[in-house]
């Protein structure tokens, strides 16, 4: 299977963490790899395990 060079470099940039992709880009990446994008917000805890405001 041959993959166009532009797509390979785009994936390399995502994997390398050198870019901040949009949600649409992440959705496309997930779909292309047989996944779905899930974004989850979780509370940040402090040193004592208490939730931050």
C-alpha atoms as a PDB file:
ATOM      1  CA  UNK A   1       0.000   0.000   0.000  1.00  0.00           C
ATOM      2  CA  UNK A   2       1.421   3.349  -1.017  1.00  0.00           C
ATOM      3  CA  UNK A   3       0.753   6.428   1.134  1.00  0.00           C
ATOM      4  CA  UNK A   4       1.250   9.916  -0.335  1.00  0.00           C
ATOM      5  CA  UNK A   5       4.251  11.693   1.197  1.00  0.00           C
ATOM      6  CA  UNK A   6       2.133  14.631   2.420  1.00  0.00           C
ATOM      7  CA  UNK A   7      -0.012  12.341   4.537  1.00  0.00           C
ATOM      8  CA  UNK A   8       3.000  10.621   6.066  1.00  0.00           C
ATOM      9  CA  UNK A   9       4.526  13.932   7.130  1.00  0.00           C
ATOM     10  CA  UNK A  10       1.168  15.112   8.529  1.00  0.00           C
ATOM     11  CA  UNK A  11       0.949  11.987  10.686  1.00  0.00           C
ATOM     12  CA  UNK A  12       4.579  12.421  11.744  1.00  0.00           C
ATOM     13  CA  UNK A  13       3.843  15.994  12.881  1.00  0.00           C
ATOM     14  CA  UNK A  14       0.859  14.777  14.928  1.00  0.00           C
ATOM     15  CA  UNK A  15       2.828  11.912  16.448  1.00  0.00           C
ATOM     16  CA  UNK A  16       5.812  14.145  17.173  1.00  0.00           C
ATOM     17  CA  UNK A  17       3.756  16.677  19.110  1.00  0.00           C
ATOM     18  CA  UNK A  18       5.076  19.609  17.072  1.00  0.00           C
ATOM     19  CA  UNK A  19       1.607  20.875  16.139  1.00  0.00           C
ATOM     20  CA  UNK A  20      -1.643  21.734  17.908  1.00  0.00           C
ATOM     21  CA  UNK A  21      -4.239  20.075  15.660  1.00  0.00           C
ATOM     22  CA  UNK A  22      -7.860  21.127  15.462  1.00  0.00           C
ATOM     23  CA  UNK A  23     -10.656  18.891  16.677  1.00  0.00           C
ATOM     24  CA  UNK A  24     -11.598  18.233  13.048  1.00  0.00           C
ATOM     25  CA  UNK A  25      -8.043  17.068  12.295  1.00  0.00           C
ATOM     26  CA  UNK A  26      -8.113  14.748  15.295  1.00  0.00           C
ATOM     27  CA  UNK A  27     -11.515  13.382  14.214  1.00  0.00           C
ATOM     28  CA  UNK A  28     -10.155  12.696  10.730  1.00  0.00           C
ATOM     29  CA  UNK A  29      -7.032  11.048  12.165  1.00  0.00           C
ATOM     30  CA  UNK A  30      -9.163   8.867  14.441  1.00  0.00           C
ATOM     31  CA  UNK A  31     -11.481   7.856  11.608  1.00  0.00           C
ATOM     32  CA  UNK A  32      -8.551   7.054   9.304  1.00  0.00           C
ATOM     33  CA  UNK A  33      -7.106   4.716  11.937  1.00  0.00           C
ATOM     34  CA  UNK A  34     -10.410   3.014  12.766  1.00  0.00           C
ATOM     35  CA  UNK A  35     -11.039   4.922  15.992  1.00  0.00           C
ATOM     36  CA  UNK A  36     -13.331   7.650  17.241  1.00  0.00           C
ATOM     37  CA  UNK A  37     -12.273  10.802  19.055  1.00  0.00           C
ATOM     38  CA  UNK A  38     -13.293  11.142  22.707  1.00  0.00           C
ATOM     39  CA  UNK A  39     -12.503  14.314  24.645  1.00  0.00           C
ATOM     40  CA  UNK A  40     -12.944  14.153  28.398  1.00  0.00           C
ATOM     41  CA  UNK A  41     -12.538  16.870  31.030  1.00  0.00           C
ATOM     42  CA  UNK A  42     -11.339  15.635  34.403  1.00  0.00           C
ATOM     43  CA  UNK A  43     -10.861  17.622  37.599  1.00  0.00           C
ATOM     44  CA  UNK A  44      -7.350  18.659  38.575  1.00  0.00           C
ATOM     45  CA  UNK A  45      -6.383  17.663  42.081  1.00  0.00           C
ATOM     46  CA  UNK A  46      -3.965  19.421  44.408  1.00  0.00           C
ATOM     47  CA  UNK A  47      -1.156  17.883  46.468  1.00  0.00           C
ATOM     48  CA  UNK A  48      -3.532  16.740  49.200  1.00  0.00           C
ATOM     49  CA  UNK A  49      -5.909  15.182  46.661  1.00  0.00           C
ATOM     50  CA  UNK A  50      -8.426  18.014  46.963  1.00  0.00           C
ATOM     51  CA  UNK A  51     -10.162  19.393  43.904  1.00  0.00           C
ATOM     52  CA  UNK A  52      -9.010  22.801  42.722  1.00  0.00           C
ATOM     53  CA  UNK A  53     -11.581  25.528  42.114  1.00  0.00           C
END
